Structures are given as structure tokens and as C-alpha cells.
């Protein structure tokens, strides 16, 4: 992987905003000096194809009509007038008149040096200061197992939450764990039929799997589970004791996993 590939990825995450802002302004200034226009009128983007450099400008195509020149020829004139700085490795004309900038090795070395110096504080910025943002993720259901899909959701959601926090936003983490529904009824029906232990998370997983299988195989069982689901919804007192045991076992198990993953939820 090239250093520019890493830099581009970090820019997309907003983690090198300070360095990016500085180099953007410097490149705009260099182009502006060459064509004699205001820097804020110059557009700079990351090329889709990273072999085309780290930044690209279409300024030659924007000015070509006004100047009465071929965009590509105008781009070459602009490039010939550009004075390179230590941060720039090379400047090239591409396609119909794009001007592509490749940053120097020293620029990336300086970025890495700042990362090593700032350590855990590196990447913090004020881009989202004053914003309040809720991120919902993980969302496992009690009475079912915590599976790889929940782990993926947790990993992505926690990463997004931390990035947003690093940008100075107030983040609230939400995790809506579905504690009512057919999945609960399937598990409790199986407990009633096969005596699964609701204090054991593995048994809860087996109970749900068994109940789901029977629900799909038998119309009579399906009707029984649907009726059981109605009773759970209205908090039938005959069911609440075993329901509470299973719910507590599930939620405690989830909390153990969240502790390992370094996740804490507000809701």
C-alpha cells in the first residue's frame, strides 16, 4: 500500500483534517498565483484513481472558454507556471485538462510524525462541535444468541461513534434490544415443551432454534406460539417469572460481550 493510499483513506475519515486543510490551501494558492484568480474559486478533489495523484483540479477546464484556449493546453501553461514546494512531489496534466498533484514523501513523514507525537489525541477536531448525534447499533434480541451480524454492527457503530466524538460532537449510543415478539414466544414455547434452562445462555439459544424449527414445521405449533406471543405482550402473570429469568440471562450475557468490546450504551 502506498503512503498516498493511506492518506486518502484518512482524509475520507476526517482524521487528517488539519493537514488536509493546510495542503489544500497551499495548492489553491499555488494555482491562484499561476492563473491570477481568487484561491476560493479553485476546486480541489481526490481523484477516484489514486494513480492520478492525491489532489486534482479542473481549473483549466473552468477557465478555458473564458480564455479562448484548449483546456489541456491551458492546463499545461498553468503547470509550467507552478512553483513546487517541499510538500509537492510532482504536478501533471491528465485527461481533457485536469491538473493532478502528487504529494511528497516528506509530507507523509510529517503526518506520521504528528500522529506519533499526539498519540491518542491525534485526529481530534472541531468539525462537529455543538452537534448532538445519536448512533444506533448492535441491536441483539434477548432470547436469541448474539451472532456475527451483531458483532459487525457493533464494530461499525462503535467506530462511527468514536469518530464523531473525536470531531467534538455530543454522541448518544442507542441499542434497541427487542424484548418482545415471536422470537421470545418461540423460546418460551420450547422451554415449556423441552425444559430448556433459561439461566443458561446456550440453552436459551437452543430453545429459540427448537421453537423456530417447530414453528415452521407445524401449523398447530405456529398457532400455539402466536397465542403465547399475545399472552407475553399483555404480560400474563403466569408467564412473567420465566420471562424475567430468560430476559435477565440474555441481557447479562450481552453486557459481558459489550464489556469485552469496549462499548457502553446510553439507551
Protein backbone atom coordinates (compact mmCIF):
# COMPACT_ATOMS: atom_id res chain seq x y z
CA UNK A 1 0.00 0.00 0.00
CA UNK A 2 1.35 3.44 -0.96
CA UNK A 3 1.51 6.31 1.54
CA UNK A 4 -0.93 8.24 -0.63
CA UNK A 5 -3.46 5.37 -0.33
CA UNK A 6 -3.29 5.62 3.46
CA UNK A 7 -3.54 9.42 3.36
CA UNK A 8 -6.62 9.28 1.12
CA UNK A 9 -8.34 6.85 3.47
CA UNK A 10 -7.58 9.02 6.48
CA UNK A 11 -8.90 12.09 4.66
CA UNK A 12 -12.17 10.28 3.98
CA UNK A 13 -12.49 9.61 7.72
CA UNK A 14 -11.74 13.24 8.53
CA UNK A 15 -8.74 12.22 10.61
CA UNK A 16 -6.20 14.41 8.87
CA UNK A 17 -8.42 17.45 8.52
CA UNK A 18 -5.78 19.81 9.87
CA UNK A 19 -3.09 18.57 7.48
CA UNK A 20 -5.57 18.35 4.62
CA UNK A 21 -6.81 21.90 5.12
CA UNK A 22 -3.27 23.24 5.12
CA UNK A 23 -2.20 21.43 1.96
CA UNK A 24 -5.46 22.28 0.19
CA UNK A 25 -4.98 25.97 0.88
CA UNK A 26 -1.36 25.78 -0.21
CA UNK A 27 -2.28 24.08 -3.50
CA UNK A 28 -5.07 26.59 -4.13
CA UNK A 29 -2.60 29.41 -3.52
CA UNK A 30 -0.08 27.90 -5.93
CA UNK A 31 -2.70 27.57 -8.66
CA UNK A 32 -4.12 31.03 -7.93
CA UNK A 33 -0.68 32.59 -8.34
CA UNK A 34 -0.37 30.88 -11.70
CA UNK A 35 -3.76 31.96 -13.13
CA UNK A 36 -4.36 35.16 -11.11
CA UNK A 37 -7.74 34.33 -9.59
CA UNK A 38 -9.02 34.07 -6.02
CA UNK A 39 -7.98 30.79 -4.30
CA UNK A 40 -11.51 30.08 -3.03
CA UNK A 41 -12.71 29.76 -6.65
CA UNK A 42 -10.40 26.80 -7.23
CA UNK A 43 -11.86 23.33 -6.74
CA UNK A 44 -9.64 20.51 -5.46
CA UNK A 45 -10.74 16.88 -5.17
CA UNK A 46 -9.22 13.48 -4.50
CA UNK A 47 -9.01 11.55 -7.81
CA UNK A 48 -11.02 8.33 -7.87
CA UNK A 49 -7.98 6.60 -9.30
CA UNK A 50 -5.17 7.19 -6.82
CA UNK A 51 -2.55 6.69 -9.54
CA UNK A 52 -3.68 10.14 -10.73
CA UNK A 53 -2.28 11.77 -7.62
CA UNK A 54 -3.54 12.94 -4.25
CA UNK A 55 -5.38 16.07 -5.39
CA UNK A 56 -6.83 17.13 -8.71
CA UNK A 57 -8.18 20.44 -10.05
CA UNK A 58 -10.38 21.17 -13.07
CA UNK A 59 -9.49 24.87 -13.05
CA UNK A 60 -8.13 24.75 -16.63
CA UNK A 61 -11.45 23.43 -17.95
CA UNK A 62 -13.33 26.07 -15.97
CA UNK A 63 -11.23 28.91 -17.40
CA UNK A 64 -10.69 27.57 -20.94
CA UNK A 65 -13.80 29.08 -22.51
CA UNK A 66 -13.22 32.48 -20.95
CA UNK A 67 -9.56 32.43 -22.05
CA UNK A 68 -10.44 31.10 -25.51
CA UNK A 69 -7.97 28.26 -25.16
CA UNK A 70 -7.93 24.48 -25.34
CA UNK A 71 -8.40 23.14 -21.75
CA UNK A 72 -5.48 20.74 -21.98
CA UNK A 73 -3.13 23.38 -23.41
CA UNK A 74 -4.21 25.84 -20.72
CA UNK A 75 -3.58 23.18 -18.08
CA UNK A 76 -0.04 22.75 -19.41
CA UNK A 77 0.52 26.51 -19.20
CA UNK A 78 -0.69 26.55 -15.62
CA UNK A 79 1.56 23.62 -14.68
CA UNK A 80 4.58 25.31 -16.30
CA UNK A 81 3.98 28.39 -14.14
CA UNK A 82 3.58 26.46 -10.89
CA UNK A 83 6.39 26.75 -8.36
CA UNK A 84 6.84 23.49 -6.49
CA UNK A 85 7.11 23.37 -2.71
CA UNK A 86 8.57 20.66 -0.43
CA UNK A 87 5.10 19.16 0.07
CA UNK A 88 4.62 18.50 -3.66
CA UNK A 89 6.34 15.63 -5.47
CA UNK A 90 5.03 16.34 -8.96
CA UNK A 91 2.30 18.09 -10.95
CA UNK A 92 0.87 16.53 -14.12
CA UNK A 93 -1.80 17.23 -16.74
CA UNK A 94 -4.28 14.39 -17.27
CA UNK A 95 -7.28 13.68 -19.48
CA UNK A 96 -9.03 16.69 -21.04
CA UNK A 97 -7.26 19.15 -18.76
CA UNK A 98 -7.15 18.02 -15.15
CA UNK A 99 -4.16 19.14 -13.07
CA UNK A 100 -3.05 16.37 -10.73
CA UNK A 101 -0.86 16.89 -7.68
CA UNK A 102 1.15 14.12 -6.03
CA UNK A 103 2.34 14.89 -2.52
CA UNK A 104 5.92 14.28 -1.47
CA UNK A 105 7.29 11.64 0.85
CA UNK A 106 8.29 14.35 3.33
CA UNK A 107 4.66 15.47 3.60
CA UNK A 108 3.55 11.97 4.64
CA UNK A 109 6.50 11.64 7.01
CA UNK A 110 5.38 14.84 8.73
CA UNK A 111 1.82 13.48 9.02
CA UNK A 112 3.08 10.25 10.60
CA UNK A 113 5.33 12.25 12.94
CA UNK A 114 2.35 14.26 14.16
CA UNK A 115 0.44 11.00 14.75
CA UNK A 116 3.27 9.59 16.87
CA UNK A 117 3.61 12.83 18.80
CA UNK A 118 -0.09 13.37 19.57
CA UNK A 119 -0.86 9.66 20.13
CA UNK A 120 -4.43 9.19 21.40
CA UNK A 121 -5.23 12.86 20.86
CA UNK A 122 -4.36 12.70 17.17
CA UNK A 123 -7.33 13.21 14.89
CA UNK A 124 -9.39 15.30 17.30
CA UNK A 125 -11.04 18.29 15.64
CA UNK A 126 -13.98 20.67 15.98
CA UNK A 127 -15.83 19.81 12.77
CA UNK A 128 -19.00 18.73 14.63
CA UNK A 129 -18.74 20.95 17.70
CA UNK A 130 -22.17 21.82 19.09
CA UNK A 131 -23.88 18.93 17.29
CA UNK A 132 -25.85 16.24 19.11
CA UNK A 133 -25.83 12.90 17.28
CA UNK A 134 -27.40 9.54 18.13
CA UNK A 135 -25.88 6.37 16.72
CA UNK A 136 -27.94 3.17 16.94
CA UNK A 137 -26.16 -0.15 16.54
CA UNK A 138 -25.79 -3.78 17.63
CA UNK A 139 -29.49 -4.39 18.50
CA UNK A 140 -29.39 -8.07 19.56
CA UNK A 141 -32.63 -9.68 20.66
CA UNK A 142 -32.97 -11.30 24.09
CA UNK A 143 -33.90 -14.99 23.96
CA UNK A 144 -31.64 -15.37 20.90
CA UNK A 145 -27.90 -15.75 20.53
CA UNK A 146 -25.52 -12.83 19.93
CA UNK A 147 -24.18 -13.67 16.45
CA UNK A 148 -21.60 -12.40 13.97
CA UNK A 149 -24.09 -9.92 12.48
CA UNK A 150 -24.44 -8.19 15.85
CA UNK A 151 -20.65 -8.15 16.22
CA UNK A 152 -20.27 -6.50 12.82
CA UNK A 153 -22.93 -3.91 13.67
CA UNK A 154 -21.23 -3.21 17.00
CA UNK A 155 -17.82 -2.80 15.40
CA UNK A 156 -19.10 -0.38 12.75
CA UNK A 157 -21.37 1.54 15.13
CA UNK A 158 -18.74 1.94 17.84
CA UNK A 159 -16.16 3.07 15.25
CA UNK A 160 -18.57 5.68 13.87
CA UNK A 161 -19.42 6.85 17.39
CA UNK A 162 -15.77 7.33 18.29
CA UNK A 163 -15.00 9.20 15.08
CA UNK A 164 -17.93 11.54 15.69
CA UNK A 165 -16.79 12.09 19.29
CA UNK A 166 -13.31 12.90 18.02
CA UNK A 167 -14.94 15.64 15.94
CA UNK A 168 -16.32 17.20 19.16
CA UNK A 169 -19.97 16.17 18.79
CA UNK A 170 -22.05 15.00 21.76
CA UNK A 171 -22.78 11.34 20.96
CA UNK A 172 -25.53 9.19 22.39
CA UNK A 173 -25.25 5.44 21.75
CA UNK A 174 -28.58 3.62 21.33
CA UNK A 175 -29.17 -0.12 21.37
CA UNK A 176 -32.76 -1.26 20.96
CA UNK A 177 -32.91 -4.85 22.16
CA UNK A 178 -36.21 -6.40 21.14
CA UNK A 179 -37.57 -7.92 24.34
CA UNK A 180 -40.95 -8.84 22.90
CA UNK A 181 -42.06 -10.59 19.75
CA UNK A 182 -42.32 -14.03 18.17
CA UNK A 183 -38.68 -14.83 18.91
CA UNK A 184 -39.46 -14.63 22.64
CA UNK A 185 -42.59 -16.73 22.24
CA UNK A 186 -40.69 -19.39 20.28
CA UNK A 187 -38.07 -19.70 23.01
CA UNK A 188 -40.59 -19.82 25.87
CA UNK A 189 -42.75 -22.35 24.00
CA UNK A 190 -39.67 -24.58 23.63
CA UNK A 191 -38.87 -24.20 27.33
CA UNK A 192 -42.37 -25.38 28.17
CA UNK A 193 -42.09 -28.38 25.84
CA UNK A 194 -38.47 -29.47 26.34
CA UNK A 195 -37.42 -27.95 29.67
CA UNK A 196 -34.51 -25.82 28.44
CA UNK A 197 -32.69 -23.96 31.24
CA UNK A 198 -33.37 -20.21 30.99
CA UNK A 199 -30.44 -19.44 33.30
CA UNK A 200 -28.04 -20.80 30.68
CA UNK A 201 -27.45 -18.64 27.60
CA UNK A 202 -26.56 -21.65 25.43
CA UNK A 203 -29.81 -23.34 26.40
CA UNK A 204 -31.71 -20.16 25.51
CA UNK A 205 -30.15 -20.27 22.06
CA UNK A 206 -31.12 -23.92 21.67
CA UNK A 207 -34.64 -23.17 22.88
CA UNK A 208 -35.13 -20.46 20.29
CA UNK A 209 -33.76 -22.68 17.50
CA UNK A 210 -36.02 -25.55 18.51
CA UNK A 211 -39.08 -23.31 18.78
CA UNK A 212 -38.37 -21.66 15.43
CA UNK A 213 -37.96 -25.05 13.74
CA UNK A 214 -41.25 -26.36 15.10
CA UNK A 215 -42.98 -23.06 14.24
CA UNK A 216 -42.01 -23.54 10.59
CA UNK A 217 -42.87 -27.26 10.50
CA UNK A 218 -46.24 -27.41 12.22
CA UNK A 219 -49.31 -25.24 11.73
CA UNK A 220 -50.61 -26.28 15.14
CA UNK A 221 -47.36 -25.24 16.83
CA UNK A 222 -47.41 -21.96 14.93
CA UNK A 223 -50.86 -21.17 16.32
CA UNK A 224 -49.73 -22.10 19.84
CA UNK A 225 -46.71 -19.78 19.60
CA UNK A 226 -48.79 -16.94 18.17
CA UNK A 227 -51.20 -17.29 21.08
CA UNK A 228 -48.29 -17.40 23.52
CA UNK A 229 -46.90 -14.23 21.98
CA UNK A 230 -50.19 -12.47 22.68
CA UNK A 231 -50.02 -13.52 26.32
CA UNK A 232 -46.45 -12.24 26.63
CA UNK A 233 -47.50 -8.90 25.11
CA UNK A 234 -50.16 -8.36 27.75
CA UNK A 235 -47.74 -9.55 30.49
CA UNK A 236 -49.70 -12.63 31.52
CA UNK A 237 -48.74 -13.20 35.16
CA UNK A 238 -48.37 -16.95 34.57
CA UNK A 239 -45.51 -16.26 32.15
CA UNK A 240 -43.69 -13.32 33.70
CA UNK A 241 -41.49 -15.34 36.08
CA UNK A 242 -39.88 -17.45 33.36
CA UNK A 243 -39.85 -14.46 31.01
CA UNK A 244 -37.91 -12.36 33.54
CA UNK A 245 -35.38 -15.15 34.10
CA UNK A 246 -34.68 -15.53 30.39
CA UNK A 247 -34.53 -11.77 29.83
CA UNK A 248 -32.06 -11.29 32.68
CA UNK A 249 -29.84 -14.11 31.42
CA UNK A 250 -29.81 -12.65 27.90
CA UNK A 251 -29.12 -9.06 28.94
CA UNK A 252 -26.36 -10.08 31.36
CA UNK A 253 -24.74 -12.08 28.58
CA UNK A 254 -24.93 -9.10 26.22
CA UNK A 255 -23.33 -6.84 28.85
CA UNK A 256 -20.42 -9.27 29.17
CA UNK A 257 -19.86 -9.01 25.43
CA UNK A 258 -20.14 -5.20 25.42
CA UNK A 259 -17.51 -5.05 28.17
CA UNK A 260 -15.12 -7.11 26.05
CA UNK A 261 -15.82 -4.89 23.03
CA UNK A 262 -15.42 -1.65 24.99
CA UNK A 263 -18.97 -0.48 24.27
CA UNK A 264 -21.31 1.36 26.64
CA UNK A 265 -24.80 2.42 25.62
CA UNK A 266 -26.82 5.43 26.75
CA UNK A 267 -30.15 3.95 25.65
